Amino acid sequence: MRRALAGQSEAVGLIVRTLLALVGAALVGSIFLAIDGVDLGFAYQEIFEQSFGSSFAVKNSLIEAVPITLVALGVAVAFRAGIFNLGGEGQIYMGALFAVLVVLGLSGLPGPVLIVLGLIGGAIGGGLWGGVAGALRSRLGLSEIITTIMLNFIAFWIVSYLVRGPIQDPDGAGYPYTKEIPAKADLPTLFGTIPLGAVLLVVAAVVVWILLERTKTGISIKSLGAGEAAGRFSGLNVERTGFAVLLIAGVLGGLAGAASLLGNEGRLSDFFSPGWGFVGVMTALIGRGTAIGTLVAGLLIGFLNNGITGAQSAAGIPTSTAQILVGVFVLFLIIVNTDIVATALRRAASSLKGGSRG
């Protein structure tokens, strides 16, 4: 009973903090929109319409949220272990690379089989890339912050080289991308609105929650997050756990790349990711390292990104201002989800309850 009430209270707190972030971002964003001479009422109406206003808008918003949230879940798992996985971008690229190689190489297989193998290939590619960082950390004692950042650059340039040479589409007029994957390998859309990638996203969030909250591995991960010295004292194999955490994070990052390739992009290209890996770090911070919080944060950012992008032309919002709006909203989300602000809001809510009883 207490656990259920605590979960309900946290859910209400998350909604309140999100509304506060939206109001703060709208107020600050209005300044920039007014400077650009944009009609504020029409602009915000268009953002809402492009985010939620139709089944087509919802579908595109979910597609935008999939890679951001999947890679963020990997970052969240690492956070719980006290490990900073900043390599989501590289894991996305390697996941997409493995997925496109599998799908194009086995294009004669039936569509459902291709989809499954493509997702597995993406998970393996990202897992290998995360595992490299994990091995460097556990075997050589190298900082995962440095290695994951450097692996991002290496993954990007490997893909850039390949799509400009060995795996470039020979009929692509010289553009740096691969052949398009067969239509039968595209992730389907359920009920005309929900892309299969979004279902995968929810399943991944549930699996991460079970892993962290209901398994011995989750206990080990959180023990490592409490401190390496304490972990060693309790008999925890710190090196093995750290390696496993970055491997898991890589798998989720690789799935993000594969899901985007099969669910929307259709081919691997230079600059395949617009920065999903880095947005994923912020998303995990907003979600406070929890599976459900990260899922909610990723969906919010996905819907907002799609809404602002879609409203740009209709409302006449300059690209720079659109990016400012997204950045301000994310900043406010991070601020209202800090421990200090969250605690203050809980105290304020308790005071209001106490006052109403009196």
Protein backbone atom coordinates (compact mmCIF):
# COMPACT_ATOMS: atom_id res chain seq x y z
CA MET A 1 0.00 0.00 0.00
CA ARG A 2 2.74 2.43 0.97
CA ARG A 3 4.70 1.56 -2.18
CA ALA A 4 1.62 2.23 -4.33
CA LEU A 5 1.01 5.59 -2.62
CA ALA A 6 4.65 6.53 -3.04
CA GLY A 7 4.49 5.65 -6.74
CA GLN A 8 1.30 7.68 -7.14
CA SER A 9 2.89 10.66 -5.37
CA GLU A 10 5.96 10.48 -7.59
CA ALA A 11 3.78 10.32 -10.72
CA VAL A 12 1.86 13.43 -9.59
CA GLY A 13 5.15 15.15 -8.82
CA LEU A 14 6.46 14.32 -12.29
CA ILE A 15 3.34 15.81 -13.91
CA VAL A 16 3.62 18.99 -11.81
CA ARG A 17 7.31 19.41 -12.60
CA THR A 18 6.65 18.86 -16.31
CA LEU A 19 3.90 21.49 -16.33
CA LEU A 20 6.22 23.93 -14.58
CA ALA A 21 8.89 23.28 -17.20
CA LEU A 22 6.37 23.83 -20.00
CA VAL A 23 5.19 27.12 -18.51
CA GLY A 24 8.75 28.34 -17.94
CA ALA A 25 9.84 27.37 -21.44
CA ALA A 26 6.76 29.01 -22.97
CA LEU A 27 7.44 32.26 -21.11
CA VAL A 28 11.09 32.41 -22.11
CA GLY A 29 10.39 31.17 -25.63
CA SER A 30 7.75 33.86 -26.09
CA ILE A 31 10.46 36.51 -25.78
CA PHE A 32 12.39 35.10 -28.74
CA LEU A 33 9.23 34.51 -30.79
CA ALA A 34 8.09 38.07 -30.17
CA ILE A 35 11.48 39.41 -31.25
CA ASP A 36 11.09 37.44 -34.50
CA GLY A 37 7.62 38.92 -34.99
CA VAL A 38 5.88 35.54 -34.73
CA ASP A 39 2.21 35.36 -33.74
CA LEU A 40 2.52 33.71 -30.30
CA GLY A 41 -0.99 32.26 -30.14
CA PHE A 42 -0.78 30.75 -33.60
CA ALA A 43 2.76 29.46 -33.02
CA TYR A 44 1.86 27.56 -29.84
CA GLN A 45 -1.35 26.28 -31.41
CA GLU A 46 0.67 24.90 -34.34
CA ILE A 47 3.23 23.30 -32.00
CA PHE A 48 0.39 21.53 -30.19
CA GLU A 49 -1.29 20.47 -33.44
CA GLN A 50 1.96 19.13 -34.90
CA SER A 51 2.64 17.20 -31.69
CA PHE A 52 -0.77 15.74 -30.82
CA GLY A 53 -3.33 17.14 -33.24
CA SER A 54 -3.77 14.10 -35.50
CA SER A 55 -2.86 10.44 -35.76
CA PHE A 56 -0.20 11.42 -38.30
CA ALA A 57 1.28 13.94 -35.85
CA VAL A 58 1.29 11.41 -33.01
CA LYS A 59 2.96 8.83 -35.25
CA ASN A 60 5.76 11.25 -36.20
CA SER A 61 6.21 12.34 -32.59
CA LEU A 62 6.60 8.73 -31.48
CA ILE A 63 9.08 8.06 -34.29
CA GLU A 64 11.11 11.04 -33.04
CA ALA A 65 10.98 9.76 -29.45
CA VAL A 66 12.14 6.20 -30.19
CA PRO A 67 15.91 6.66 -30.71
CA ILE A 68 16.17 9.38 -28.06
CA THR A 69 14.49 7.29 -25.37
CA LEU A 70 16.13 3.97 -26.20
CA VAL A 71 19.62 5.42 -25.97
CA ALA A 72 18.58 7.35 -22.85
CA LEU A 73 17.57 4.10 -21.14
CA GLY A 74 21.12 2.85 -21.68
CA VAL A 75 22.50 6.05 -20.20
CA ALA A 76 20.12 5.67 -17.24
CA VAL A 77 21.33 2.14 -16.48
CA ALA A 78 24.90 3.44 -16.45
CA PHE A 79 23.93 6.36 -14.20
CA ARG A 80 22.53 3.96 -11.62
CA ALA A 81 25.97 2.33 -11.48
CA GLY A 82 27.73 5.67 -11.14
CA ILE A 83 29.08 5.30 -14.68
CA PHE A 84 28.81 8.10 -17.23
CA ASN A 85 28.03 6.60 -20.60
CA LEU A 86 28.52 9.48 -23.04
CA GLY A 87 28.90 7.09 -25.96
CA GLY A 88 25.30 6.83 -27.05
CA GLU A 89 26.00 8.56 -30.34
CA GLY A 90 28.65 6.05 -31.33
CA GLN A 91 26.48 3.15 -30.20
CA ILE A 92 23.64 4.46 -32.39
CA TYR A 93 25.92 4.62 -35.43
CA MET A 94 27.30 1.13 -34.88
CA GLY A 95 23.83 -0.28 -34.27
CA ALA A 96 22.54 1.26 -37.48
CA LEU A 97 25.61 0.03 -39.36
CA PHE A 98 25.20 -3.58 -38.22
CA ALA A 99 21.46 -3.43 -38.89
CA VAL A 100 21.84 -2.17 -42.47
CA LEU A 101 24.56 -4.71 -43.24
CA VAL A 102 22.36 -7.55 -41.96
CA VAL A 103 19.22 -6.41 -43.78
CA LEU A 104 20.92 -5.68 -47.09
CA GLY A 105 23.04 -8.82 -46.90
CA LEU A 106 20.07 -11.08 -46.16
CA SER A 107 17.47 -9.21 -48.22
CA GLY A 108 16.07 -12.44 -49.68
CA LEU A 109 14.60 -13.52 -46.34
CA PRO A 110 10.95 -12.85 -45.38
CA GLY A 111 10.17 -9.40 -43.98
CA PRO A 112 9.45 -10.38 -40.33
CA VAL A 113 12.69 -12.38 -40.19
CA LEU A 114 14.63 -9.44 -41.65
CA ILE A 115 13.18 -7.07 -39.04
CA VAL A 116 14.08 -9.36 -36.16
CA LEU A 117 17.59 -10.00 -37.50
CA GLY A 118 18.10 -6.29 -38.19
CA LEU A 119 17.18 -5.38 -34.60
CA ILE A 120 19.40 -8.16 -33.24
CA GLY A 121 22.23 -6.98 -35.48
CA GLY A 122 21.79 -3.44 -34.19
CA ALA A 123 21.84 -4.64 -30.58
CA ILE A 124 25.03 -6.61 -31.24
CA GLY A 125 26.72 -3.66 -32.95
CA GLY A 126 25.89 -1.25 -30.15
CA GLY A 127 26.73 -3.85 -27.52
CA LEU A 128 30.16 -4.42 -29.03
CA TRP A 129 30.82 -0.68 -29.01
CA GLY A 130 29.66 -0.32 -25.42
CA GLY A 131 31.67 -3.43 -24.53
CA VAL A 132 34.86 -1.83 -25.86
CA ALA A 133 34.41 1.04 -23.41
CA GLY A 134 33.58 -1.45 -20.67
CA ALA A 135 36.69 -3.51 -21.35
CA LEU A 136 38.91 -0.43 -21.37
CA ARG A 137 37.42 0.61 -18.04
CA SER A 138 37.57 -2.77 -16.32
CA ARG A 139 40.92 -3.98 -17.71
CA LEU A 140 42.95 -0.80 -18.05
CA GLY A 141 41.19 1.47 -15.58
CA LEU A 142 40.51 4.11 -18.24
CA SER A 143 37.79 6.69 -17.63
CA GLU A 144 34.58 5.79 -19.46
CA ILE A 145 33.92 9.50 -19.96
CA ILE A 146 36.98 9.87 -22.17
CA THR A 147 36.70 6.51 -23.95
CA THR A 148 32.99 6.78 -24.77
CA ILE A 149 33.44 10.28 -26.18
CA MET A 150 36.37 9.17 -28.34
CA LEU A 151 34.45 6.08 -29.49
CA ASN A 152 31.68 8.42 -30.69
CA PHE A 153 34.12 10.07 -33.11
CA ILE A 154 35.56 6.74 -34.23
CA ALA A 155 32.11 5.28 -34.94
CA PHE A 156 31.03 8.36 -36.86
CA TRP A 157 34.11 8.36 -39.08
CA ILE A 158 33.92 4.61 -39.68
CA VAL A 159 30.36 5.03 -40.94
CA SER A 160 31.32 8.15 -42.90
CA TYR A 161 34.11 6.24 -44.64
CA LEU A 162 31.91 3.24 -45.43
CA VAL A 163 28.95 5.19 -46.83
CA ARG A 164 31.33 7.16 -49.06
CA GLY A 165 33.05 4.04 -50.35
CA PRO A 166 32.60 0.31 -49.68
CA ILE A 167 28.86 0.32 -48.94
CA GLN A 168 27.81 3.47 -50.83
CA ASP A 169 24.76 3.14 -53.04
CA PRO A 170 26.18 2.85 -56.59
CA ASP A 171 22.99 4.42 -57.95
CA GLY A 172 22.95 7.25 -55.43
CA ALA A 173 24.52 9.93 -57.65
CA GLY A 174 27.49 10.15 -55.31
CA TYR A 175 25.50 10.94 -52.16
CA PRO A 176 27.00 9.45 -48.97
CA TYR A 177 24.44 6.80 -48.12
CA THR A 178 23.80 3.09 -48.55
CA LYS A 179 21.17 1.39 -50.65
CA GLU A 180 17.67 1.71 -49.27
CA ILE A 181 16.56 -1.29 -47.26
CA PRO A 182 13.73 -3.43 -48.74
CA ALA A 183 10.23 -2.19 -47.92
CA LYS A 184 9.46 -5.53 -46.28
CA ALA A 185 12.09 -4.73 -43.62
CA ASP A 186 10.39 -1.50 -42.57
CA LEU A 187 8.98 -1.52 -39.04
CA PRO A 188 5.18 -1.57 -39.41
CA THR A 189 2.74 0.91 -37.88
CA LEU A 190 -0.01 -0.45 -35.65
CA PHE A 191 -3.54 0.92 -36.04
CA GLY A 192 -2.17 3.55 -38.41
CA THR A 193 -0.73 5.56 -35.52
CA ILE A 194 1.67 3.58 -33.32
CA PRO A 195 5.01 2.66 -34.92
CA LEU A 196 6.37 -0.71 -33.83
CA GLY A 197 9.47 1.11 -32.60
CA ALA A 198 7.32 2.76 -29.91
CA VAL A 199 6.17 -0.67 -28.73
CA LEU A 200 9.80 -1.76 -28.62
CA LEU A 201 10.53 1.36 -26.60
CA VAL A 202 7.95 0.54 -23.94
CA VAL A 203 9.12 -3.08 -23.77
CA ALA A 204 12.72 -1.90 -23.32
CA ALA A 205 11.67 0.44 -20.50
CA VAL A 206 9.83 -2.39 -18.71
CA VAL A 207 12.83 -4.70 -19.12
CA VAL A 208 15.17 -2.04 -17.73
CA TRP A 209 12.83 -1.46 -14.78
CA ILE A 210 12.72 -5.19 -14.01
CA LEU A 211 16.50 -5.42 -14.39
CA LEU A 212 17.16 -2.57 -11.96
CA GLU A 213 14.41 -3.15 -9.43
CA ARG A 214 13.73 -6.88 -9.43
CA THR A 215 16.97 -8.75 -10.17
CA LYS A 216 20.27 -9.51 -8.46
CA THR A 217 22.04 -7.79 -11.36
CA GLY A 218 20.10 -4.63 -10.52
CA ILE A 219 21.25 -4.87 -6.92
CA SER A 220 24.84 -5.18 -8.12
CA ILE A 221 24.43 -2.18 -10.44
CA LYS A 222 23.04 0.01 -7.66
CA SER A 223 25.71 -1.24 -5.25
CA LEU A 224 28.36 -0.08 -7.69
CA GLY A 225 26.58 3.26 -7.88
CA ALA A 226 26.90 3.61 -4.12
CA GLY A 227 30.69 3.55 -4.49
CA GLU A 228 33.40 1.19 -5.68
CA ALA A 229 34.98 0.88 -2.24
CA ALA A 230 31.71 -0.14 -0.62
CA GLY A 231 31.03 -2.52 -3.48
CA ARG A 232 34.39 -4.25 -3.13
CA PHE A 233 33.90 -4.51 0.64
CA SER A 234 30.57 -6.27 0.10
CA GLY A 235 32.18 -8.76 -2.31
CA LEU A 236 30.99 -7.17 -5.56
CA ASN A 237 33.06 -7.81 -8.67
CA VAL A 238 33.38 -4.16 -9.61
CA GLU A 239 35.17 -4.74 -12.92
CA ARG A 240 32.70 -7.32 -14.18
CA THR A 241 29.70 -5.22 -13.16
CA GLY A 242 31.11 -2.09 -14.80
CA PHE A 243 31.72 -4.01 -18.02
CA ALA A 244 28.19 -5.45 -17.95
CA VAL A 245 26.66 -2.02 -17.44
CA LEU A 246 28.38 -0.49 -20.46
CA LEU A 247 27.54 -3.59 -22.51
CA ILE A 248 23.85 -3.21 -21.63
CA ALA A 249 23.98 0.51 -22.40
CA GLY A 250 25.55 -0.27 -25.76
CA VAL A 251 22.84 -2.81 -26.59
CA LEU A 252 20.15 -0.20 -25.97
CA GLY A 253 22.05 2.41 -27.97
CA GLY A 254 22.46 -0.06 -30.83
CA LEU A 255 18.73 -0.81 -30.73
CA ALA A 256 18.10 2.94 -31.01
CA GLY A 257 20.12 3.06 -34.22
CA ALA A 258 18.52 -0.06 -35.66
CA ALA A 259 14.97 1.04 -34.77
CA SER A 260 15.49 4.42 -36.42
CA LEU A 261 17.00 2.81 -39.52
CA LEU A 262 14.17 0.28 -39.91
CA GLY A 263 11.41 2.52 -38.65
CA ASN A 264 12.07 5.80 -40.42
CA GLU A 265 15.38 6.49 -42.14
CA GLY A 266 15.42 3.48 -44.50
CA ARG A 267 19.14 3.76 -45.20
CA LEU A 268 22.38 4.59 -43.41
CA SER A 269 23.88 7.95 -44.29
CA ASP A 270 26.55 10.37 -43.27
CA PHE A 271 25.27 12.38 -40.28
CA PHE A 272 22.65 9.66 -39.71
CA SER A 273 21.99 10.87 -36.15
CA PRO A 274 21.14 14.54 -35.53
CA GLY A 275 22.52 14.19 -32.00
CA TRP A 276 20.18 11.62 -30.43
CA GLY A 277 22.99 10.24 -28.28
CA PHE A 278 23.69 13.58 -26.63
CA VAL A 279 19.98 14.35 -26.17
CA GLY A 280 19.72 10.92 -24.57
CA VAL A 281 22.14 11.97 -21.83
CA MET A 282 19.91 14.93 -20.96
CA THR A 283 16.84 12.71 -21.14
CA ALA A 284 18.30 10.26 -18.63
CA LEU A 285 19.15 13.16 -16.33
CA ILE A 286 15.60 14.45 -16.55
CA GLY A 287 14.33 10.94 -15.82
CA ARG A 288 16.59 10.85 -12.74
CA GLY A 289 18.13 7.57 -13.87
CA THR A 290 14.88 5.61 -13.58
CA ALA A 291 13.32 3.55 -16.36
CA ILE A 292 9.83 5.08 -16.13
CA GLY A 293 11.08 8.63 -15.63
CA THR A 294 13.39 8.28 -18.63
CA LEU A 295 10.56 6.85 -20.75
CA VAL A 296 8.28 9.78 -19.89
CA ALA A 297 11.04 12.33 -20.46
CA GLY A 298 11.95 10.80 -23.82
CA LEU A 299 8.36 10.87 -25.00
CA LEU A 300 8.00 14.50 -23.94
CA ILE A 301 11.11 15.56 -25.80
CA GLY A 302 10.12 13.54 -28.86
CA PHE A 303 6.68 15.13 -29.03
CA LEU A 304 8.08 18.62 -28.47
CA ASN A 305 10.80 18.18 -31.09
CA ASN A 306 8.30 17.02 -33.67
CA GLY A 307 5.81 19.73 -32.78
CA ILE A 308 8.32 22.56 -33.08
CA THR A 309 9.84 21.17 -36.28
CA GLY A 310 6.41 20.78 -37.85
CA ALA A 311 5.31 24.27 -36.78
CA GLN A 312 8.35 26.03 -38.21
CA SER A 313 7.06 26.61 -41.73
CA ALA A 314 3.39 27.15 -40.83
CA ALA A 315 4.07 29.64 -38.03
CA GLY A 316 7.20 31.18 -39.54
CA ILE A 317 9.48 30.16 -36.69
CA PRO A 318 13.18 30.57 -37.62
CA THR A 319 15.31 27.43 -37.24
CA SER A 320 17.53 29.07 -34.62
CA THR A 321 14.50 30.07 -32.53
CA ALA A 322 13.05 26.56 -32.84
CA GLN A 323 16.26 25.11 -31.43
CA ILE A 324 16.20 27.67 -28.62
CA LEU A 325 12.65 26.59 -27.73
CA VAL A 326 13.69 22.94 -27.51
CA GLY A 327 16.84 23.79 -25.54
CA VAL A 328 14.98 26.00 -23.07
CA PHE A 329 12.35 23.33 -22.45
CA VAL A 330 14.99 20.66 -21.84
CA LEU A 331 16.89 23.04 -19.53
CA PHE A 332 13.74 23.72 -17.50
CA LEU A 333 13.02 20.00 -17.31
CA ILE A 334 16.51 19.38 -15.92
CA ILE A 335 16.15 22.22 -13.40
CA VAL A 336 12.73 21.15 -12.05
CA ASN A 337 13.92 17.55 -11.72
CA THR A 338 16.97 18.34 -9.62
CA ASP A 339 16.89 17.01 -6.05
CA ILE A 340 16.68 20.51 -4.56
CA VAL A 341 13.66 21.57 -6.63
CA ALA A 342 11.90 18.20 -6.36
CA THR A 343 12.30 18.24 -2.56
CA ALA A 344 11.05 21.81 -2.35
CA LEU A 345 7.97 20.93 -4.39
CA ARG A 346 7.23 17.93 -2.16
CA ARG A 347 7.51 20.12 0.93
CA ALA A 348 5.23 22.71 -0.61
CA ALA A 349 2.67 20.03 -1.44
CA SER A 350 2.83 18.69 2.13
CA SER A 351 2.36 22.19 3.53
CA LEU A 352 -0.69 22.74 1.33
CA LYS A 353 -2.17 19.43 2.48
CA GLY A 354 -1.51 20.34 6.09
CA GLY A 355 -3.05 23.77 5.63
CA SER A 356 -6.20 22.37 4.01
CA ARG A 357 -6.69 19.97 6.88
CA GLY A 358 -6.37 22.77 9.37
